[in-house]
Amino acid sequence: MSDSKNPFMVFSGTFTNYLSEKICQHLGMPIGKMQVTRFSDGEFEICFEESIRGRDVFLVQSTFPSADNLMELLLMIDAAKRASARTISAVIPYFGWARQDRKSKPRVSIGAKLVADLLSVAGVTSVITMDLHADQEQGFFDVPVNHLYASSIMLPYIESLKLKNLCIASPDVGGSKRASAYAKYFGCPMVMCNKSRVKANEVATMQVIGDVKGYDVVIVDDMVDTAGSITKAAQLLKDQGANSVRAIASHCIMSGPADQRIEESPLVEMVFTDSIPYKGTCSKVKQLSVAALFAETIKRIESNQSISSQYII
């Protein structure tokens, strides 16, 4: 990688190495050499083991819990800045803390804005991410944001299922825009689930708006955490006469009882991208790789080409 014919380099955070390897395979290049030294108290240090002076550096790291992933990315950015990299792009397939995008009640933090500020202060010059919890979060950054969509992976997959009576569903009002775009693409009906919460990760009530009798329903969401909402929606849709119910979501958080809930639900399958590694045991979970999408985006950024032609919707 010290060859001057390679103007850019790709480095991986510790917990996103599984995806970085696939991205680099598509790029036809090795992952850059980097060392993480960990101290007994939990502190760690980042050191690049090859020169990055004057190079365009892409640092791949999703910021899913724990906070060590975010801190590691911040230290990678700082080390690259101090090593005189020409540009520093943070490749964040899953942008954690994104659910804190506004003041939903008095005296709460806005974590998404704070993380955006931290990345900017650390020295990042651009961000590449996918399916932010809210599109407007791009405005939290003071650097360019290349916002990708998992629809370019998910739409071909849904088409491959060849479902006869397809219907798209949103598990909540907030996801209606995404579901509407999918329904418009396929030219099929859309229904929506209206839910209320008593607290985070706990749904109190849910109602289905629309008719699903006899349809093969695909629920579309951006992330699944404890799987409470998506499994409750699946059961409601099945109870109201849906022929089959599947779900797709960009980010596989899958915490707490999520595995058991999905396994015991009427869902035929639960499809994610690999923006977050899945380490559970649920037989219904399937992951589609976004490595080619991110590799192509890196290529286009390096050659100053538009990335919007990759979007389907």
C-alpha atoms as a PDB file:
ATOM      1  CA  MET A   1       0.000   0.000   0.000  1.00  0.00           C
ATOM      2  CA  SER A   2       2.970   2.316   0.048  1.00  0.00           C
ATOM      3  CA  ASP A   3       2.843   2.335  -3.792  1.00  0.00           C
ATOM      4  CA  SER A   4       2.142   5.886  -4.993  1.00  0.00           C
ATOM      5  CA  LYS A   5      -0.186   4.449  -7.669  1.00  0.00           C
ATOM      6  CA  ASN A   6      -2.727   3.929  -4.891  1.00  0.00           C
ATOM      7  CA  PRO A   7      -3.932   7.442  -4.007  1.00  0.00           C
ATOM      8  CA  PHE A   8      -6.351   6.191  -1.374  1.00  0.00           C
ATOM      9  CA  MET A   9      -6.230   3.706   1.485  1.00  0.00           C
ATOM     10  CA  VAL A  10      -8.885   1.865   3.488  1.00  0.00           C
ATOM     11  CA  PHE A  11      -8.524   1.131   7.199  1.00  0.00           C
ATOM     12  CA  SER A  12     -10.901  -0.784   9.432  1.00  0.00           C
ATOM     13  CA  GLY A  13     -12.075  -0.351  12.989  1.00  0.00           C
ATOM     14  CA  THR A  14     -11.822  -3.437  15.166  1.00  0.00           C
ATOM     15  CA  PHE A  15     -15.486  -4.434  15.166  1.00  0.00           C
ATOM     16  CA  THR A  16     -16.248  -3.667  11.502  1.00  0.00           C
ATOM     17  CA  ASN A  17     -13.365  -5.676  10.085  1.00  0.00           C
ATOM     18  CA  TYR A  18     -15.782  -8.335   8.760  1.00  0.00           C
ATOM     19  CA  LEU A  19     -17.308  -5.737   6.395  1.00  0.00           C
ATOM     20  CA  SER A  20     -14.083  -3.857   5.622  1.00  0.00           C
ATOM     21  CA  GLU A  21     -12.521  -7.064   4.290  1.00  0.00           C
ATOM     22  CA  LYS A  22     -15.411  -7.513   1.858  1.00  0.00           C
ATOM     23  CA  ILE A  23     -15.251  -3.844   0.790  1.00  0.00           C
ATOM     24  CA  CYS A  24     -11.525  -4.186   0.067  1.00  0.00           C
ATOM     25  CA  GLN A  25     -12.119  -7.392  -1.897  1.00  0.00           C
ATOM     26  CA  HIS A  26     -14.469  -5.443  -4.174  1.00  0.00           C
ATOM     27  CA  LEU A  27     -11.869  -2.677  -4.453  1.00  0.00           C
ATOM     28  CA  GLY A  28      -9.108  -5.197  -5.214  1.00  0.00           C
ATOM     29  CA  MET A  29      -6.840  -3.918  -2.458  1.00  0.00           C
ATOM     30  CA  PRO A  30      -5.760  -4.965   1.050  1.00  0.00           C
ATOM     31  CA  ILE A  31      -6.915  -3.295   4.259  1.00  0.00           C
ATOM     32  CA  GLY A  32      -4.361  -0.772   5.499  1.00  0.00           C
ATOM     33  CA  LYS A  33      -2.214  -1.770   8.460  1.00  0.00           C
ATOM     34  CA  MET A  34      -3.240  -0.268  11.774  1.00  0.00           C
ATOM     35  CA  GLN A  35      -2.512  -1.240  15.369  1.00  0.00           C
ATOM     36  CA  VAL A  36      -4.831  -0.833  18.351  1.00  0.00           C
ATOM     37  CA  THR A  37      -3.000  -0.977  21.688  1.00  0.00           C
ATOM     38  CA  ARG A  38      -5.288  -1.644  24.649  1.00  0.00           C
ATOM     39  CA  PHE A  39      -4.379  -0.813  28.236  1.00  0.00           C
ATOM     40  CA  SER A  40      -5.558  -2.692  31.306  1.00  0.00           C
ATOM     41  CA  ASP A  41      -7.933   0.080  32.365  1.00  0.00           C
ATOM     42  CA  GLY A  42      -9.838  -0.058  29.042  1.00  0.00           C
ATOM     43  CA  GLU A  43      -8.097   2.879  27.363  1.00  0.00           C
ATOM     44  CA  PHE A  44      -6.705   2.249  23.887  1.00  0.00           C
ATOM     45  CA  GLU A  45      -4.383   3.889  21.364  1.00  0.00           C
ATOM     46  CA  ILE A  46      -4.486   3.959  17.553  1.00  0.00           C
ATOM     47  CA  CYS A  47      -1.374   3.837  15.363  1.00  0.00           C
ATOM     48  CA  PHE A  48      -1.170   3.563  11.567  1.00  0.00           C
ATOM     49  CA  GLU A  49       1.660   1.222  10.635  1.00  0.00           C
ATOM     50  CA  GLU A  50       2.298   2.658   7.182  1.00  0.00           C
ATOM     51  CA  SER A  51       2.614   6.153   5.769  1.00  0.00           C
ATOM     52  CA  ILE A  52      -0.643   7.922   4.871  1.00  0.00           C
ATOM     53  CA  ARG A  53       0.904  11.333   4.155  1.00  0.00           C
ATOM     54  CA  GLY A  54      -0.930  12.997   1.287  1.00  0.00           C
ATOM     55  CA  ARG A  55      -3.350  10.084   0.847  1.00  0.00           C
ATOM     56  CA  ASP A  56      -7.137   9.994   0.808  1.00  0.00           C
ATOM     57  CA  VAL A  57      -7.994   7.814   3.804  1.00  0.00           C
ATOM     58  CA  PHE A  58     -11.273   5.920   4.286  1.00  0.00           C
ATOM     59  CA  LEU A  59     -11.901   4.728   7.844  1.00  0.00           C
ATOM     60  CA  VAL A  60     -14.591   2.031   8.088  1.00  0.00           C
ATOM     61  CA  GLN A  61     -16.360   1.726  11.430  1.00  0.00           C
ATOM     62  CA  SER A  62     -20.021   1.382  12.425  1.00  0.00           C
ATOM     63  CA  THR A  63     -20.782   3.098  15.719  1.00  0.00           C
ATOM     64  CA  PHE A  64     -23.095   0.524  17.252  1.00  0.00           C
ATOM     65  CA  PRO A  65     -22.787  -0.094  21.017  1.00  0.00           C
ATOM     66  CA  SER A  66     -20.587  -0.124  22.941  1.00  0.00           C
ATOM     67  CA  ALA A  67     -19.265   3.429  22.935  1.00  0.00           C
ATOM     68  CA  ASP A  68     -15.769   1.973  22.318  1.00  0.00           C
ATOM     69  CA  ASN A  69     -16.658   1.750  18.613  1.00  0.00           C
ATOM     70  CA  LEU A  70     -17.326   5.471  18.416  1.00  0.00           C
ATOM     71  CA  MET A  71     -14.236   6.316  20.468  1.00  0.00           C
ATOM     72  CA  GLU A  72     -12.075   4.092  18.285  1.00  0.00           C
ATOM     73  CA  LEU A  73     -13.333   5.877  15.158  1.00  0.00           C
ATOM     74  CA  LEU A  74     -12.609   9.281  16.721  1.00  0.00           C
ATOM     75  CA  LEU A  75      -9.046   8.194  17.569  1.00  0.00           C
ATOM     76  CA  MET A  76      -8.571   6.814  14.035  1.00  0.00           C
ATOM     77  CA  ILE A  77      -9.611  10.191  12.613  1.00  0.00           C
ATOM     78  CA  ASP A  78      -7.308  12.070  14.990  1.00  0.00           C
ATOM     79  CA  ALA A  79      -4.357   9.790  14.166  1.00  0.00           C
ATOM     80  CA  ALA A  80      -4.964  10.214  10.419  1.00  0.00           C
ATOM     81  CA  LYS A  81      -5.113  14.001  10.778  1.00  0.00           C
ATOM     82  CA  ARG A  82      -1.860  14.058  12.739  1.00  0.00           C
ATOM     83  CA  ALA A  83      -0.246  11.760  10.142  1.00  0.00           C
ATOM     84  CA  SER A  84      -0.983  14.348   7.405  1.00  0.00           C
ATOM     85  CA  ALA A  85      -3.619  12.455   5.421  1.00  0.00           C
ATOM     86  CA  ARG A  86      -4.921  14.581   2.533  1.00  0.00           C
ATOM     87  CA  THR A  87      -8.591  13.785   3.203  1.00  0.00           C
ATOM     88  CA  ILE A  88     -10.253  11.687   5.906  1.00  0.00           C
ATOM     89  CA  SER A  89     -13.586  10.032   5.127  1.00  0.00           C
ATOM     90  CA  ALA A  90     -15.454   8.255   7.909  1.00  0.00           C
ATOM     91  CA  VAL A  91     -17.317   5.284   6.417  1.00  0.00           C
ATOM     92  CA  ILE A  92     -20.076   4.592   8.951  1.00  0.00           C
ATOM     93  CA  PRO A  93     -22.455   1.897   7.620  1.00  0.00           C
ATOM     94  CA  TYR A  94     -24.535   2.194  10.807  1.00  0.00           C
ATOM     95  CA  PHE A  95     -24.536   5.637  12.446  1.00  0.00           C
ATOM     96  CA  GLY A  96     -25.276   4.981  16.110  1.00  0.00           C
ATOM     97  CA  TRP A  97     -26.968   7.463  18.460  1.00  0.00           C
ATOM     98  CA  ALA A  98     -29.154   8.525  15.515  1.00  0.00           C
ATOM     99  CA  ARG A  99     -32.423   7.927  17.389  1.00  0.00           C
ATOM    100  CA  GLN A 100     -31.588  10.991  19.513  1.00  0.00           C
ATOM    101  CA  ASP A 101     -32.304  13.448  16.701  1.00  0.00           C
ATOM    102  CA  ARG A 102     -34.467  16.036  18.497  1.00  0.00           C
ATOM    103  CA  LYS A 103     -35.746  17.148  21.884  1.00  0.00           C
ATOM    104  CA  SER A 104     -38.717  14.813  22.252  1.00  0.00           C
ATOM    105  CA  LYS A 105     -39.226  16.004  25.834  1.00  0.00           C
ATOM    106  CA  PRO A 106     -37.665  18.657  28.070  1.00  0.00           C
ATOM    107  CA  ARG A 107     -34.071  18.401  29.269  1.00  0.00           C
ATOM    108  CA  VAL A 108     -32.873  15.584  26.990  1.00  0.00           C
ATOM    109  CA  SER A 109     -29.700  15.288  24.933  1.00  0.00           C
ATOM    110  CA  ILE A 110     -29.559  15.293  21.121  1.00  0.00           C
ATOM    111  CA  GLY A 111     -26.976  12.551  20.719  1.00  0.00           C
ATOM    112  CA  ALA A 112     -26.919  12.530  16.906  1.00  0.00           C
ATOM    113  CA  LYS A 113     -25.864  16.193  16.775  1.00  0.00           C
ATOM    114  CA  LEU A 114     -23.244  15.668  19.490  1.00  0.00           C
ATOM    115  CA  VAL A 115     -21.664  12.736  17.618  1.00  0.00           C
ATOM    116  CA  ALA A 116     -21.659  14.749  14.377  1.00  0.00           C
ATOM    117  CA  ASP A 117     -19.805  17.553  16.188  1.00  0.00           C
ATOM    118  CA  LEU A 118     -17.306  15.100  17.683  1.00  0.00           C
ATOM    119  CA  LEU A 119     -16.484  13.694  14.248  1.00  0.00           C
ATOM    120  CA  SER A 120     -15.992  17.197  12.817  1.00  0.00           C
ATOM    121  CA  VAL A 121     -13.765  18.316  15.693  1.00  0.00           C
ATOM    122  CA  ALA A 122     -11.693  15.134  15.389  1.00  0.00           C
ATOM    123  CA  GLY A 123     -10.877  16.118  11.804  1.00  0.00           C
ATOM    124  CA  VAL A 124     -13.119  14.190   9.418  1.00  0.00           C
ATOM    125  CA  THR A 125     -13.492  15.827   5.985  1.00  0.00           C
ATOM    126  CA  SER A 126     -16.506  13.798   4.795  1.00  0.00           C
ATOM    127  CA  VAL A 127     -18.876  11.072   5.937  1.00  0.00           C
ATOM    128  CA  ILE A 128     -20.297   8.079   4.092  1.00  0.00           C
ATOM    129  CA  THR A 129     -23.238   6.459   5.856  1.00  0.00           C
ATOM    130  CA  MET A 130     -26.424   4.533   5.104  1.00  0.00           C
ATOM    131  CA  ASP A 131     -30.075   4.905   6.071  1.00  0.00           C
ATOM    132  CA  LEU A 132     -29.884   7.440   8.855  1.00  0.00           C
ATOM    133  CA  HIS A 133     -32.771   7.215  11.299  1.00  0.00           C
ATOM    134  CA  ALA A 134     -33.932  10.602   9.993  1.00  0.00           C
ATOM    135  CA  ASP A 135     -32.739  12.096   6.685  1.00  0.00           C
ATOM    136  CA  GLN A 136     -32.451  15.573   8.174  1.00  0.00           C
ATOM    137  CA  GLU A 137     -29.576  14.398  10.376  1.00  0.00           C
ATOM    138  CA  GLN A 138     -27.323  15.076   7.398  1.00  0.00           C
ATOM    139  CA  GLY A 139     -27.738  18.732   8.360  1.00  0.00           C
ATOM    140  CA  PHE A 140     -26.091  18.076  11.733  1.00  0.00           C
ATOM    141  CA  PHE A 141     -22.718  17.789  10.002  1.00  0.00           C
ATOM    142  CA  ASP A 142     -20.489  20.648   8.893  1.00  0.00           C
ATOM    143  CA  VAL A 143     -18.803  18.387   6.315  1.00  0.00           C
ATOM    144  CA  PRO A 144     -20.225  16.663   3.194  1.00  0.00           C
ATOM    145  CA  VAL A 145     -22.377  13.606   3.905  1.00  0.00           C
ATOM    146  CA  ASN A 146     -22.796  10.877   1.287  1.00  0.00           C
ATOM    147  CA  HIS A 147     -26.036   9.241   2.387  1.00  0.00           C
ATOM    148  CA  LEU A 148     -26.616   5.796   0.858  1.00  0.00           C
ATOM    149  CA  TYR A 149     -29.810   3.753   0.876  1.00  0.00           C
ATOM    150  CA  ALA A 150     -30.204   0.022   1.478  1.00  0.00           C
ATOM    151  CA  SER A 151     -33.074   0.052  -1.033  1.00  0.00           C
ATOM    152  CA  SER A 152     -30.515  -0.666  -3.773  1.00  0.00           C
ATOM    153  CA  ILE A 153     -29.924  -4.018  -2.016  1.00  0.00           C
ATOM    154  CA  MET A 154     -33.413  -4.708  -0.692  1.00  0.00           C
ATOM    155  CA  LEU A 155     -35.527  -3.961  -3.780  1.00  0.00           C
ATOM    156  CA  PRO A 156     -33.803  -6.568  -5.993  1.00  0.00           C
ATOM    157  CA  TYR A 157     -34.149  -9.078  -3.146  1.00  0.00           C
ATOM    158  CA  ILE A 158     -37.914  -8.472  -2.843  1.00  0.00           C
ATOM    159  CA  GLU A 159     -38.226  -8.808  -6.627  1.00  0.00           C
ATOM    160  CA  SER A 160     -36.430 -12.163  -6.467  1.00  0.00           C
ATOM    161  CA  LEU A 161     -39.130 -13.503  -4.110  1.00  0.00           C
ATOM    162  CA  LYS A 162     -41.731 -13.174  -6.911  1.00  0.00           C
ATOM    163  CA  LEU A 163     -44.591 -12.601  -4.472  1.00  0.00           C
ATOM    164  CA  LYS A 164     -47.943 -12.703  -6.283  1.00  0.00           C
ATOM    165  CA  ASN A 165     -49.933 -10.290  -4.108  1.00  0.00           C
ATOM    166  CA  LEU A 166     -47.296  -7.956  -2.715  1.00  0.00           C
ATOM    167  CA  CYS A 167     -48.199  -5.342  -0.126  1.00  0.00           C
ATOM    168  CA  ILE A 168     -45.713  -3.039   1.630  1.00  0.00           C
ATOM    169  CA  ALA A 169     -46.245  -2.156   5.288  1.00  0.00           C
ATOM    170  CA  SER A 170     -44.728   0.420   7.617  1.00  0.00           C
ATOM    171  CA  PRO A 171     -44.485  -0.570  11.304  1.00  0.00           C
ATOM    172  CA  ASP A 172     -45.079   3.038  12.390  1.00  0.00           C
ATOM    173  CA  VAL A 173     -46.038   6.472  11.098  1.00  0.00           C
ATOM    174  CA  GLY A 174     -42.394   7.604  11.028  1.00  0.00           C
ATOM    175  CA  GLY A 175     -41.514   4.979   8.419  1.00  0.00           C
ATOM    176  CA  SER A 176     -44.419   5.753   6.094  1.00  0.00           C
ATOM    177  CA  LYS A 177     -42.279   7.766   3.660  1.00  0.00           C
ATOM    178  CA  ARG A 178     -39.880   4.852   3.182  1.00  0.00           C
ATOM    179  CA  ALA A 179     -42.703   2.334   2.800  1.00  0.00           C
ATOM    180  CA  SER A 180     -44.522   4.608   0.357  1.00  0.00           C
ATOM    181  CA  ALA A 181     -41.422   4.786  -1.857  1.00  0.00           C
ATOM    182  CA  TYR A 182     -41.185   0.971  -1.906  1.00  0.00           C
ATOM    183  CA  ALA A 183     -44.906   0.624  -2.710  1.00  0.00           C
ATOM    184  CA  LYS A 184     -44.646   3.183  -5.509  1.00  0.00           C
ATOM    185  CA  TYR A 185     -41.657   1.349  -7.003  1.00  0.00           C
ATOM    186  CA  PHE A 186     -43.540  -1.969  -7.077  1.00  0.00           C
ATOM    187  CA  GLY A 187     -46.905  -0.414  -7.939  1.00  0.00           C
ATOM    188  CA  CYS A 188     -48.544  -2.227  -5.036  1.00  0.00           C
ATOM    189  CA  PRO A 189     -50.725  -1.279  -2.031  1.00  0.00           C
ATOM    190  CA  MET A 190     -49.304   0.052   1.223  1.00  0.00           C
ATOM    191  CA  VAL A 191     -50.621  -0.238   4.770  1.00  0.00           C
ATOM    192  CA  MET A 192     -49.430   1.389   7.946  1.00  0.00           C
ATOM    193  CA  CYS A 193     -49.320   0.386  11.599  1.00  0.00           C
ATOM    194  CA  ASN A 194     -50.095   3.120  14.076  1.00  0.00           C
ATOM    195  CA  LYS A 195     -48.485   2.510  17.464  1.00  0.00           C
ATOM    196  CA  SER A 196     -48.158   4.228  20.816  1.00  0.00           C
ATOM    197  CA  ARG A 197     -45.417   3.614  23.382  1.00  0.00           C
ATOM    198  CA  VAL A 198     -45.441   3.668  27.155  1.00  0.00           C
ATOM    199  CA  LYS A 199     -41.640   3.979  27.136  1.00  0.00           C
ATOM    200  CA  ALA A 200     -38.628   3.252  24.913  1.00  0.00           C
ATOM    201  CA  ASN A 201     -38.586  -0.282  23.455  1.00  0.00           C
ATOM    202  CA  GLU A 202     -42.106  -1.029  24.714  1.00  0.00           C
ATOM    203  CA  VAL A 203     -45.204  -0.735  22.512  1.00  0.00           C
ATOM    204  CA  ALA A 204     -48.515  -0.126  24.298  1.00  0.00           C
ATOM    205  CA  THR A 205     -51.049  -0.343  21.451  1.00  0.00           C
ATOM    206  CA  MET A 206     -50.973  -0.839  17.687  1.00  0.00           C
ATOM    207  CA  GLN A 207     -53.585  -0.700  14.926  1.00  0.00           C
ATOM    208  CA  VAL A 208     -53.324  -1.544  11.217  1.00  0.00           C
ATOM    209  CA  ILE A 209     -54.528   1.114   8.774  1.00  0.00           C
ATOM    210  CA  GLY A 210     -55.471  -0.603   5.505  1.00  0.00           C
ATOM    211  CA  ASP A 211     -56.564  -4.001   4.178  1.00  0.00           C
ATOM    212  CA  VAL A 212     -54.053  -6.889   4.014  1.00  0.00           C
ATOM    213  CA  LYS A 213     -56.371  -9.870   3.513  1.00  0.00           C
ATOM    214  CA  GLY A 214     -54.852 -12.295   1.003  1.00  0.00           C
ATOM    215  CA  TYR A 215     -51.666 -10.236   0.533  1.00  0.00           C
ATOM    216  CA  ASP A 216     -48.016 -11.229   0.933  1.00  0.00           C
ATOM    217  CA  VAL A 217     -46.866  -8.395   3.184  1.00  0.00           C
ATOM    218  CA  VAL A 218     -43.321  -7.050   3.452  1.00  0.00           C
ATOM    219  CA  ILE A 219     -42.724  -4.762   6.449  1.00  0.00           C
ATOM    220  CA  VAL A 220     -40.062  -2.110   5.747  1.00  0.00           C
ATOM    221  CA  ASP A 221     -38.085  -0.467   8.555  1.00  0.00           C
ATOM    222  CA  ASP A 222     -34.695   1.186   9.132  1.00  0.00           C
ATOM    223  CA  MET A 223     -33.603  -0.804  12.216  1.00  0.00           C
ATOM    224  CA  VAL A 224     -34.737  -3.531  14.577  1.00  0.00           C
ATOM    225  CA  ASP A 225     -33.662  -3.292  18.219  1.00  0.00           C
ATOM    226  CA  THR A 226     -35.673  -5.463  20.615  1.00  0.00           C
ATOM    227  CA  ALA A 227     -38.063  -6.491  17.776  1.00  0.00           C
ATOM    228  CA  GLY A 228     -41.144  -5.571  19.827  1.00  0.00           C
ATOM    229  CA  SER A 229     -42.700  -3.316  17.196  1.00  0.00           C
ATOM    230  CA  ILE A 230     -41.957  -5.458  14.162  1.00  0.00           C
ATOM    231  CA  THR A 231     -43.197  -8.721  15.694  1.00  0.00           C
ATOM    232  CA  LYS A 232     -46.350  -7.073  17.058  1.00  0.00           C
ATOM    233  CA  ALA A 233     -47.010  -5.627  13.599  1.00  0.00           C
ATOM    234  CA  ALA A 234     -46.412  -9.034  11.994  1.00  0.00           C
ATOM    235  CA  GLN A 235     -48.917 -10.703  14.336  1.00  0.00           C
ATOM    236  CA  LEU A 236     -51.537  -8.019  13.675  1.00  0.00           C
ATOM    237  CA  LEU A 237     -51.088  -8.295   9.914  1.00  0.00           C
ATOM    238  CA  LYS A 238     -51.394 -12.081  10.082  1.00  0.00           C
ATOM    239  CA  ASP A 239     -54.476 -11.844  12.297  1.00  0.00           C
ATOM    240  CA  GLN A 240     -56.091  -9.545   9.747  1.00  0.00           C
ATOM    241  CA  GLY A 241     -55.720 -12.094   6.969  1.00  0.00           C
ATOM    242  CA  ALA A 242     -52.296 -11.576   5.424  1.00  0.00           C
ATOM    243  CA  ASN A 243     -51.188 -14.611   3.413  1.00  0.00           C
ATOM    244  CA  SER A 244     -47.578 -14.226   4.577  1.00  0.00           C
ATOM    245  CA  VAL A 245     -45.525 -11.624   6.433  1.00  0.00           C
ATOM    246  CA  ARG A 246     -41.839 -10.833   5.949  1.00  0.00           C
ATOM    247  CA  ALA A 247     -39.745  -7.940   7.227  1.00  0.00           C
ATOM    248  CA  ILE A 248     -36.704  -6.097   5.946  1.00  0.00           C
ATOM    249  CA  ALA A 249     -34.613  -3.536   7.831  1.00  0.00           C
ATOM    250  CA  SER A 250     -31.315  -1.838   7.172  1.00  0.00           C
ATOM    251  CA  HIS A 251     -29.661  -2.224  10.562  1.00  0.00           C
ATOM    252  CA  CYS A 252     -29.497  -5.413  12.652  1.00  0.00           C
ATOM    253  CA  ILE A 253     -29.282  -4.154  16.252  1.00  0.00           C
ATOM    254  CA  MET A 254     -31.147  -7.188  17.635  1.00  0.00           C
ATOM    255  CA  SER A 255     -30.728  -6.681  21.372  1.00  0.00           C
ATOM    256  CA  GLY A 256     -32.351  -8.289  24.404  1.00  0.00           C
ATOM    257  CA  PRO A 257     -35.253 -10.618  23.540  1.00  0.00           C
ATOM    258  CA  ALA A 258     -35.159  -9.859  19.796  1.00  0.00           C
ATOM    259  CA  ASP A 259     -34.017 -13.329  18.682  1.00  0.00           C
ATOM    260  CA  GLN A 260     -36.724 -15.139  20.611  1.00  0.00           C
ATOM    261  CA  ARG A 261     -39.437 -12.696  19.557  1.00  0.00           C
ATOM    262  CA  ILE A 262     -38.662 -13.083  15.864  1.00  0.00           C
ATOM    263  CA  GLU A 263     -38.290 -16.863  16.116  1.00  0.00           C
ATOM    264  CA  GLU A 264     -41.716 -17.151  17.744  1.00  0.00           C
ATOM    265  CA  SER A 265     -43.412 -14.588  15.482  1.00  0.00           C
ATOM    266  CA  PRO A 266     -45.364 -15.306  12.264  1.00  0.00           C
ATOM    267  CA  LEU A 267     -42.578 -13.685  10.231  1.00  0.00           C
ATOM    268  CA  VAL A 268     -41.381 -15.930   7.401  1.00  0.00           C
ATOM    269  CA  GLU A 269     -37.981 -14.204   7.464  1.00  0.00           C
ATOM    270  CA  MET A 270     -36.242 -11.121   8.845  1.00  0.00           C
ATOM    271  CA  VAL A 271     -33.795  -9.615   6.341  1.00  0.00           C
ATOM    272  CA  PHE A 272     -31.049  -7.129   7.242  1.00  0.00           C
ATOM    273  CA  THR A 273     -27.933  -5.692   5.665  1.00  0.00           C
ATOM    274  CA  ASP A 274     -24.578  -6.441   7.293  1.00  0.00           C
ATOM    275  CA  SER A 275     -24.011  -2.855   8.501  1.00  0.00           C
ATOM    276  CA  ILE A 276     -23.925  -4.434  11.980  1.00  0.00           C
ATOM    277  CA  PRO A 277     -22.671  -8.006  12.509  1.00  0.00           C
ATOM    278  CA  TYR A 278     -25.348 -10.499  13.574  1.00  0.00           C
ATOM    279  CA  LYS A 279     -24.173 -12.822  16.327  1.00  0.00           C
ATOM    280  CA  GLY A 280     -27.525 -14.287  17.330  1.00  0.00           C
ATOM    281  CA  THR A 281     -29.083 -17.666  16.648  1.00  0.00           C
ATOM    282  CA  CYS A 282     -32.481 -16.900  15.109  1.00  0.00           C
ATOM    283  CA  SER A 283     -33.079 -19.151  12.103  1.00  0.00           C
ATOM    284  CA  LYS A 284     -35.276 -16.546  10.402  1.00  0.00           C
ATOM    285  CA  VAL A 285     -32.590 -13.856  10.216  1.00  0.00           C
ATOM    286  CA  LYS A 286     -30.817 -13.303   6.886  1.00  0.00           C
ATOM    287  CA  GLN A 287     -28.200 -10.669   6.025  1.00  0.00           C
ATOM    288  CA  LEU A 288     -27.438  -9.140   2.617  1.00  0.00           C
ATOM    289  CA  SER A 289     -24.049  -7.507   2.181  1.00  0.00           C
ATOM    290  CA  VAL A 290     -23.626  -3.805   1.444  1.00  0.00           C
ATOM    291  CA  ALA A 291     -19.892  -4.186   0.757  1.00  0.00           C
ATOM    292  CA  ALA A 292     -20.255  -3.702  -3.011  1.00  0.00           C
ATOM    293  CA  LEU A 293     -22.386  -0.573  -2.453  1.00  0.00           C
ATOM    294  CA  PHE A 294     -19.778   1.052  -0.206  1.00  0.00           C
ATOM    295  CA  ALA A 295     -16.881  -0.051  -2.436  1.00  0.00           C
ATOM    296  CA  GLU A 296     -18.514   1.495  -5.498  1.00  0.00           C
ATOM    297  CA  THR A 297     -19.193   4.702  -3.554  1.00  0.00           C
ATOM    298  CA  ILE A 298     -15.532   4.938  -2.525  1.00  0.00           C
ATOM    299  CA  LYS A 299     -14.478   4.457  -6.156  1.00  0.00           C
ATOM    300  CA  ARG A 300     -16.827   7.178  -7.354  1.00  0.00           C
ATOM    301  CA  ILE A 301     -15.745   9.636  -4.686  1.00  0.00           C
ATOM    302  CA  GLU A 302     -12.096   9.047  -5.626  1.00  0.00           C
ATOM    303  CA  SER A 303     -12.835   9.640  -9.315  1.00  0.00           C
ATOM    304  CA  ASN A 304     -15.151  12.620  -8.607  1.00  0.00           C
ATOM    305  CA  GLN A 305     -18.191  10.871 -10.074  1.00  0.00           C
ATOM    306  CA  SER A 306     -21.793  11.200  -8.956  1.00  0.00           C
ATOM    307  CA  ILE A 307     -23.010   8.580  -6.492  1.00  0.00           C
ATOM    308  CA  SER A 308     -26.726   9.303  -6.966  1.00  0.00           C
ATOM    309  CA  SER A 309     -26.944   6.990  -9.982  1.00  0.00           C
ATOM    310  CA  GLN A 310     -26.597   4.090  -7.537  1.00  0.00           C
ATOM    311  CA  TYR A 311     -29.931   4.958  -5.969  1.00  0.00           C
ATOM    312  CA  ILE A 312     -33.044   3.082  -7.046  1.00  0.00           C
ATOM    313  CA  ILE A 313     -35.363   5.067  -4.778  1.00  0.00           C
END
